[in-house]
PDB file of N, CA and C in Angstrom:
ATOM      1  N   UNK A   1       1.173  -1.443   0.240  1.00  0.00           N
ATOM      2  CA  UNK A   1       0.214   0.164  -0.031  1.00  0.00           C
ATOM      3  C   UNK A   1       0.812   1.180   0.055  1.00  0.00           C
ATOM      4  N   UNK A   2       0.530   2.507  -0.831  1.00  0.00           N
ATOM      5  CA  UNK A   2       1.190   3.745  -1.279  1.00  0.00           C
ATOM      6  C   UNK A   2       0.863   4.184   0.034  1.00  0.00           C
ATOM      7  N   UNK A   3       1.760   5.031   0.435  1.00  0.00           N
ATOM      8  CA  UNK A   3       1.544   6.410   1.296  1.00  0.00           C
ATOM      9  C   UNK A   3       0.457   6.727   1.333  1.00  0.00           C
ATOM     10  N   UNK A   4       0.859   7.315   0.221  1.00  0.00           N
ATOM     11  CA  UNK A   4      -0.749   8.103  -0.168  1.00  0.00           C
ATOM     12  C   UNK A   4      -2.405   7.003   0.083  1.00  0.00           C
ATOM     13  N   UNK A   5      -2.491   6.269  -0.600  1.00  0.00           N
ATOM     14  CA  UNK A   5      -3.151   5.523   0.330  1.00  0.00           C
ATOM     15  C   UNK A   5      -3.396   5.149   1.623  1.00  0.00           C
ATOM     16  N   UNK A   6      -2.344   4.867   2.452  1.00  0.00           N
ATOM     17  CA  UNK A   6      -1.987   4.640   3.996  1.00  0.00           C
ATOM     18  C   UNK A   6      -2.934   5.851   4.895  1.00  0.00           C
ATOM     19  N   UNK A   7      -2.779   7.498   4.366  1.00  0.00           N
ATOM     20  CA  UNK A   7      -3.082   8.775   4.432  1.00  0.00           C
ATOM     21  C   UNK A   7      -4.520   8.843   4.086  1.00  0.00           C
ATOM     22  N   UNK A   8      -4.990   8.368   2.379  1.00  0.00           N
ATOM     23  CA  UNK A   8      -6.154   8.623   2.469  1.00  0.00           C
ATOM     24  C   UNK A   8      -7.026   7.367   3.570  1.00  0.00           C
ATOM     25  N   UNK A   9      -6.842   6.593   3.495  1.00  0.00           N
ATOM     26  CA  UNK A   9      -7.289   5.639   5.002  1.00  0.00           C
ATOM     27  C   UNK A   9      -7.446   6.571   5.936  1.00  0.00           C
ATOM     28  N   UNK A  10      -6.525   6.745   6.411  1.00  0.00           N
ATOM     29  CA  UNK A  10      -6.596   7.288   8.034  1.00  0.00           C
ATOM     30  C   UNK A  10      -7.894   8.907   7.419  1.00  0.00           C
ATOM     31  N   UNK A  11      -7.442  10.223   6.089  1.00  0.00           N
ATOM     32  CA  UNK A  11      -8.261  10.327   7.123  1.00  0.00           C
ATOM     33  C   UNK A  11      -9.588  10.410   6.477  1.00  0.00           C
ATOM     34  N   UNK A  12     -10.333   9.146   6.292  1.00  0.00           N
ATOM     35  CA  UNK A  12     -11.312   8.336   6.445  1.00  0.00           C
ATOM     36  C   UNK A  12     -12.044   8.301   7.422  1.00  0.00           C
ATOM     37  N   UNK A  13     -11.222   8.221   8.387  1.00  0.00           N
ATOM     38  CA  UNK A  13     -11.947   7.677   9.785  1.00  0.00           C
ATOM     39  C   UNK A  13     -11.490   8.555  10.293  1.00  0.00           C
ATOM     40  N   UNK A  14     -10.779   9.712  10.738  1.00  0.00           N
ATOM     41  CA  UNK A  14     -10.549  10.966  11.724  1.00  0.00           C
ATOM     42  C   UNK A  14     -11.944  11.854  11.746  1.00  0.00           C
ATOM     43  N   UNK A  15     -12.143  12.259  12.434  1.00  0.00           N
ATOM     44  CA  UNK A  15     -13.234  13.653  12.395  1.00  0.00           C
ATOM     45  C   UNK A  15     -12.889  14.428  12.052  1.00  0.00           C
ATOM     46  N   UNK A  16     -13.917  15.578  11.352  1.00  0.00           N
ATOM     47  CA  UNK A  16     -13.896  17.059  10.596  1.00  0.00           C
ATOM     48  C   UNK A  16     -13.314  18.091  11.091  1.00  0.00           C
ATOM     49  N   UNK A  17     -13.340  18.326  12.731  1.00  0.00           N
ATOM     50  CA  UNK A  17     -11.976  18.830  12.645  1.00  0.00           C
ATOM     51  C   UNK A  17     -10.625  19.113  12.675  1.00  0.00           C
ATOM     52  N   UNK A  18     -10.279  17.396  13.472  1.00  0.00           N
ATOM     53  CA  UNK A  18      -8.822  17.110  13.022  1.00  0.00           C
ATOM     54  C   UNK A  18      -8.531  17.460  11.142  1.00  0.00           C
ATOM     55  N   UNK A  19      -9.665  17.016  10.278  1.00  0.00           N
ATOM     56  CA  UNK A  19      -9.083  17.415   9.037  1.00  0.00           C
ATOM     57  C   UNK A  19      -9.109  18.396   8.203  1.00  0.00           C
ATOM     58  N   UNK A  20      -9.336  19.753   9.400  1.00  0.00           N
ATOM     59  CA  UNK A  20      -8.960  21.058   9.290  1.00  0.00           C
ATOM     60  C   UNK A  20      -7.936  20.836   9.490  1.00  0.00           C
ATOM     61  N   UNK A  21      -7.518  20.361  10.024  1.00  0.00           N
ATOM     62  CA  UNK A  21      -6.058  20.788  11.566  1.00  0.00           C
ATOM     63  C   UNK A  21      -4.683  20.132  10.247  1.00  0.00           C
ATOM     64  N   UNK A  22      -5.079  18.819   9.896  1.00  0.00           N
ATOM     65  CA  UNK A  22      -4.589  18.349   9.207  1.00  0.00           C
ATOM     66  C   UNK A  22      -4.519  18.924   7.666  1.00  0.00           C
ATOM     67  N   UNK A  23      -5.200  19.465   7.086  1.00  0.00           N
ATOM     68  CA  UNK A  23      -5.473  20.421   5.933  1.00  0.00           C
ATOM     69  C   UNK A  23      -4.557  21.004   5.506  1.00  0.00           C
ATOM     70  N   UNK A  24      -4.495  22.451   7.129  1.00  0.00           N
ATOM     71  CA  UNK A  24      -4.124  23.758   6.860  1.00  0.00           C
ATOM     72  C   UNK A  24      -2.356  23.316   6.959  1.00  0.00           C
ATOM     73  N   UNK A  25      -2.282  21.947   7.704  1.00  0.00           N
ATOM     74  CA  UNK A  25      -0.688  22.090   8.224  1.00  0.00           C
ATOM     75  C   UNK A  25       0.122  21.166   6.379  1.00  0.00           C
ATOM     76  N   UNK A  26      -0.742  20.278   5.451  1.00  0.00           N
ATOM     77  CA  UNK A  26      -0.902  19.583   4.613  1.00  0.00           C
ATOM     78  C   UNK A  26       0.188  21.084   3.837  1.00  0.00           C
ATOM     79  N   UNK A  27      -0.868  23.144   3.380  1.00  0.00           N
ATOM     80  CA  UNK A  27      -0.768  23.338   2.981  1.00  0.00           C
ATOM     81  C   UNK A  27       0.124  24.455   2.994  1.00  0.00           C
ATOM     82  N   UNK A  28       0.502  24.072   4.426  1.00  0.00           N
ATOM     83  CA  UNK A  28       1.694  24.718   5.228  1.00  0.00           C
ATOM     84  C   UNK A  28       2.732  24.748   4.868  1.00  0.00           C
ATOM     85  N   UNK A  29       2.956  22.490   4.591  1.00  0.00           N
ATOM     86  CA  UNK A  29       3.491  21.734   4.540  1.00  0.00           C
ATOM     87  C   UNK A  29       3.956  22.218   2.463  1.00  0.00           C
ATOM     88  N   UNK A  30       3.211  22.216   1.804  1.00  0.00           N
ATOM     89  CA  UNK A  30       3.872  23.038   0.301  1.00  0.00           C
ATOM     90  C   UNK A  30       4.026  23.907   0.287  1.00  0.00           C
ATOM     91  N   UNK A  31       3.906  25.107   1.066  1.00  0.00           N
ATOM     92  CA  UNK A  31       4.386  26.295   0.875  1.00  0.00           C
ATOM     93  C   UNK A  31       6.297  25.701   1.105  1.00  0.00           C
ATOM     94  N   UNK A  32       6.460  25.888   2.522  1.00  0.00           N
ATOM     95  CA  UNK A  32       7.485  25.133   3.172  1.00  0.00           C
ATOM     96  C   UNK A  32       8.429  24.746   1.404  1.00  0.00           C
ATOM     97  N   UNK A  33       7.857  23.223   0.744  1.00  0.00           N
ATOM     98  CA  UNK A  33       8.288  23.188   0.183  1.00  0.00           C
ATOM     99  C   UNK A  33       8.706  23.792  -1.274  1.00  0.00           C
ATOM    100  N   UNK A  34       7.730  24.094  -1.569  1.00  0.00           N
ATOM    101  CA  UNK A  34       7.956  25.780  -2.893  1.00  0.00           C
ATOM    102  C   UNK A  34       8.161  26.589  -2.746  1.00  0.00           C
ATOM    103  N   UNK A  35       8.899  27.174  -1.598  1.00  0.00           N
ATOM    104  CA  UNK A  35       9.722  28.203  -1.267  1.00  0.00           C
ATOM    105  C   UNK A  35      11.474  27.740  -1.061  1.00  0.00           C
ATOM    106  N   UNK A  36      11.680  26.673  -0.843  1.00  0.00           N
ATOM    107  CA  UNK A  36      13.017  25.679  -1.050  1.00  0.00           C
ATOM    108  C   UNK A  36      13.309  25.661  -2.247  1.00  0.00           C
ATOM    109  N   UNK A  37      12.004  25.072  -3.393  1.00  0.00           N
ATOM    110  CA  UNK A  37      12.173  25.054  -4.686  1.00  0.00           C
ATOM    111  C   UNK A  37      12.482  26.322  -5.589  1.00  0.00           C
ATOM    112  N   UNK A  38      12.377  26.998  -5.255  1.00  0.00           N
ATOM    113  CA  UNK A  38      12.827  28.543  -5.513  1.00  0.00           C
ATOM    114  C   UNK A  38      14.337  29.185  -5.230  1.00  0.00           C
ATOM    115  N   UNK A  39      14.442  28.415  -3.829  1.00  0.00           N
ATOM    116  CA  UNK A  39      15.930  29.314  -3.539  1.00  0.00           C
ATOM    117  C   UNK A  39      16.977  28.157  -3.528  1.00  0.00           C
ATOM    118  N   UNK A  40      16.594  27.116  -3.470  1.00  0.00           N
ATOM    119  CA  UNK A  40      17.186  26.168  -4.581  1.00  0.00           C
ATOM    120  C   UNK A  40      17.903  26.519  -6.009  1.00  0.00           C
ATOM    121  N   UNK A  41      16.863  27.121  -7.070  1.00  0.00           N
ATOM    122  CA  UNK A  41      17.230  27.414  -8.410  1.00  0.00           C
ATOM    123  C   UNK A  41      17.844  29.231  -8.505  1.00  0.00           C
ATOM    124  N   UNK A  42      17.400  29.607  -7.117  1.00  0.00           N
ATOM    125  CA  UNK A  42      17.967  30.866  -7.309  1.00  0.00           C
ATOM    126  C   UNK A  42      19.410  31.095  -6.513  1.00  0.00           C
ATOM    127  N   UNK A  43      19.984  29.685  -6.397  1.00  0.00           N
ATOM    128  CA  UNK A  43      21.354  29.858  -6.048  1.00  0.00           C
ATOM    129  C   UNK A  43      21.858  28.802  -6.797  1.00  0.00           C
ATOM    130  N   UNK A  44      21.472  28.192  -7.825  1.00  0.00           N
ATOM    131  CA  UNK A  44      21.445  27.433  -8.695  1.00  0.00           C
ATOM    132  C   UNK A  44      22.136  28.947  -9.698  1.00  0.00           C
ATOM    133  N   UNK A  45      21.161  29.724  -9.850  1.00  0.00           N
ATOM    134  CA  UNK A  45      21.169  30.294 -10.738  1.00  0.00           C
ATOM    135  C   UNK A  45      22.341  31.211 -11.157  1.00  0.00           C
ATOM    136  N   UNK A  46      22.607  31.655  -9.302  1.00  0.00           N
ATOM    137  CA  UNK A  46      23.718  32.188  -8.676  1.00  0.00           C
ATOM    138  C   UNK A  46      25.378  31.029  -9.009  1.00  0.00           C
ATOM    139  N   UNK A  47      25.202  30.416  -8.911  1.00  0.00           N
ATOM    140  CA  UNK A  47      26.118  29.157  -9.657  1.00  0.00           C
ATOM    141  C   UNK A  47      25.876  29.088 -10.796  1.00  0.00           C
ATOM    142  N   UNK A  48      25.748  29.317 -11.437  1.00  0.00           N
ATOM    143  CA  UNK A  48      25.752  29.664 -13.206  1.00  0.00           C
ATOM    144  C   UNK A  48      26.427  30.979 -13.560  1.00  0.00           C
ATOM    145  N   UNK A  49      25.953  32.361 -12.824  1.00  0.00           N
ATOM    146  CA  UNK A  49      26.634  33.147 -13.541  1.00  0.00           C
ATOM    147  C   UNK A  49      27.614  33.620 -13.009  1.00  0.00           C
ATOM    148  N   UNK A  50      28.246  32.528 -11.692  1.00  0.00           N
ATOM    149  CA  UNK A  50      29.523  32.923 -11.337  1.00  0.00           C
ATOM    150  C   UNK A  50      29.378  34.177 -10.187  1.00  0.00           C
ATOM    151  N   UNK A  51      29.231  34.393  -8.719  1.00  0.00           N
ATOM    152  CA  UNK A  51      29.038  34.840  -7.599  1.00  0.00           C
ATOM    153  C   UNK A  51      30.181  34.455  -7.399  1.00  0.00           C
ATOM    154  N   UNK A  52      31.479  34.965  -7.790  1.00  0.00           N
ATOM    155  CA  UNK A  52      32.676  35.399  -7.727  1.00  0.00           C
ATOM    156  C   UNK A  52      33.043  36.506  -8.606  1.00  0.00           C
ATOM    157  N   UNK A  53      32.132  36.845  -9.287  1.00  0.00           N
ATOM    158  CA  UNK A  53      32.457  37.941 -10.850  1.00  0.00           C
ATOM    159  C   UNK A  53      32.751  39.006  -9.952  1.00  0.00           C
ATOM    160  N   UNK A  54      32.493  39.550  -8.831  1.00  0.00           N
ATOM    161  CA  UNK A  54      32.556  40.756  -8.220  1.00  0.00           C
ATOM    162  C   UNK A  54      34.473  40.528  -7.779  1.00  0.00           C
ATOM    163  N   UNK A  55      35.214  39.226  -7.897  1.00  0.00           N
ATOM    164  CA  UNK A  55      36.351  40.131  -7.326  1.00  0.00           C
ATOM    165  C   UNK A  55      37.403  39.143  -8.161  1.00  0.00           C
ATOM    166  N   UNK A  56      37.067  39.383  -9.426  1.00  0.00           N
ATOM    167  CA  UNK A  56      37.344  39.094 -11.061  1.00  0.00           C
ATOM    168  C   UNK A  56      38.547  40.295 -11.225  1.00  0.00           C
ATOM    169  N   UNK A  57      39.840  39.834 -11.202  1.00  0.00           N
ATOM    170  CA  UNK A  57      40.863  40.766 -12.295  1.00  0.00           C
ATOM    171  C   UNK A  57      40.706  40.910 -13.426  1.00  0.00           C
ATOM    172  N   UNK A  58      40.435  42.383 -14.409  1.00  0.00           N
ATOM    173  CA  UNK A  58      40.497  42.557 -15.536  1.00  0.00           C
ATOM    174  C   UNK A  58      41.535  42.091 -16.097  1.00  0.00           C
ATOM    175  N   UNK A  59      42.184  42.608 -15.345  1.00  0.00           N
ATOM    176  CA  UNK A  59      44.057  42.843 -15.934  1.00  0.00           C
ATOM    177  C   UNK A  59      44.322  41.436 -16.120  1.00  0.00           C
ATOM    178  N   UNK A  60      43.104  40.284 -15.638  1.00  0.00           N
ATOM    179  CA  UNK A  60      44.158  38.547 -16.040  1.00  0.00           C
ATOM    180  C   UNK A  60      43.371  38.054 -16.546  1.00  0.00           C
ATOM    181  N   UNK A  61      42.216  38.517 -17.340  1.00  0.00           N
ATOM    182  CA  UNK A  61      41.442  37.677 -18.486  1.00  0.00           C
ATOM    183  C   UNK A  61      42.244  37.704 -19.606  1.00  0.00           C
ATOM    184  N   UNK A  62      42.990  37.874 -20.285  1.00  0.00           N
ATOM    185  CA  UNK A  62      43.385  37.288 -21.559  1.00  0.00           C
ATOM    186  C   UNK A  62      44.767  36.274 -20.701  1.00  0.00           C
ATOM    187  N   UNK A  63      45.110  36.592 -19.794  1.00  0.00           N
ATOM    188  CA  UNK A  63      45.824  34.926 -19.438  1.00  0.00           C
ATOM    189  C   UNK A  63      44.623  33.846 -18.880  1.00  0.00           C
ATOM    190  N   UNK A  64      43.992  33.937 -19.101  1.00  0.00           N
ATOM    191  CA  UNK A  64      43.114  33.135 -18.663  1.00  0.00           C
ATOM    192  C   UNK A  64      43.234  31.713 -19.322  1.00  0.00           C
ATOM    193  N   UNK A  65      42.762  31.649 -20.678  1.00  0.00           N
ATOM    194  CA  UNK A  65      42.872  30.822 -22.438  1.00  0.00           C
ATOM    195  C   UNK A  65      44.524  30.305 -21.977  1.00  0.00           C
ATOM    196  N   UNK A  66      44.994  30.909 -21.743  1.00  0.00           N
ATOM    197  CA  UNK A  66      46.659  30.019 -21.728  1.00  0.00           C
ATOM    198  C   UNK A  66      46.459  29.237 -20.321  1.00  0.00           C
ATOM    199  N   UNK A  67      46.169  30.049 -19.026  1.00  0.00           N
ATOM    200  CA  UNK A  67      46.371  29.368 -17.879  1.00  0.00           C
ATOM    201  C   UNK A  67      47.126  27.641 -17.622  1.00  0.00           C
ATOM    202  N   UNK A  68      46.169  27.267 -18.112  1.00  0.00           N
ATOM    203  CA  UNK A  68      45.714  25.245 -17.735  1.00  0.00           C
ATOM    204  C   UNK A  68      47.222  25.032 -18.534  1.00  0.00           C
ATOM    205  N   UNK A  69      47.191  25.178 -19.834  1.00  0.00           N
ATOM    206  CA  UNK A  69      48.186  24.738 -20.715  1.00  0.00           C
ATOM    207  C   UNK A  69      49.368  25.162 -20.448  1.00  0.00           C
ATOM    208  N   UNK A  70      49.595  26.114 -19.458  1.00  0.00           N
ATOM    209  CA  UNK A  70      50.587  26.726 -18.881  1.00  0.00           C
ATOM    210  C   UNK A  70      50.757  25.624 -17.806  1.00  0.00           C
ATOM    211  N   UNK A  71      50.242  25.801 -16.833  1.00  0.00           N
ATOM    212  CA  UNK A  71      50.273  24.832 -15.670  1.00  0.00           C
ATOM    213  C   UNK A  71      50.480  23.332 -16.093  1.00  0.00           C
ATOM    214  N   UNK A  72      50.197  23.022 -16.836  1.00  0.00           N
ATOM    215  CA  UNK A  72      50.245  21.868 -16.850  1.00  0.00           C
ATOM    216  C   UNK A  72      51.976  21.163 -17.737  1.00  0.00           C
ATOM    217  N   UNK A  73      52.193  22.341 -18.459  1.00  0.00           N
ATOM    218  CA  UNK A  73      53.642  22.667 -19.371  1.00  0.00           C
ATOM    219  C   UNK A  73      54.621  22.432 -17.688  1.00  0.00           C
ATOM    220  N   UNK A  74      54.601  23.331 -17.008  1.00  0.00           N
ATOM    221  CA  UNK A  74      55.183  23.560 -15.884  1.00  0.00           C
ATOM    222  C   UNK A  74      55.205  22.139 -14.844  1.00  0.00           C
ATOM    223  N   UNK A  75      54.379  21.894 -14.276  1.00  0.00           N
ATOM    224  CA  UNK A  75      53.597  21.005 -13.919  1.00  0.00           C
ATOM    225  C   UNK A  75      54.288  19.379 -14.154  1.00  0.00           C
ATOM    226  N   UNK A  76      54.424  19.625 -15.422  1.00  0.00           N
ATOM    227  CA  UNK A  76      55.351  18.202 -16.286  1.00  0.00           C
ATOM    228  C   UNK A  76      56.415  18.503 -17.476  1.00  0.00           C
ATOM    229  N   UNK A  77      56.897  20.070 -16.952  1.00  0.00           N
ATOM    230  CA  UNK A  77      58.205  19.662 -18.127  1.00  0.00           C
ATOM    231  C   UNK A  77      57.753  19.547 -19.375  1.00  0.00           C
ATOM    232  N   UNK A  78      56.326  20.293 -19.783  1.00  0.00           N
ATOM    233  CA  UNK A  78      56.116  20.004 -21.179  1.00  0.00           C
ATOM    234  C   UNK A  78      56.741  21.230 -22.165  1.00  0.00           C
ATOM    235  N   UNK A  79      57.266  21.097 -23.233  1.00  0.00           N
ATOM    236  CA  UNK A  79      57.883  22.858 -23.500  1.00  0.00           C
ATOM    237  C   UNK A  79      57.955  22.481 -25.318  1.00  0.00           C
TER     238      UNK A  79
END
């Protein structure tokens, strides 16, 4: 039996005043989940854009294209 089926069975046996409380709680939990998803999406968007771009040194940008190759050549003594 699925969790949904178990919940429905339990809800069918509850008195009305308790069902109202359960419904309000479910709405609350659903709101939290939506807010968490929104925050997660915003964090991911910030990561993609590059949250550290404010610390970038524009003078070093031209050197970035060759940085990896230069580092590997230096590390492995490739000329």
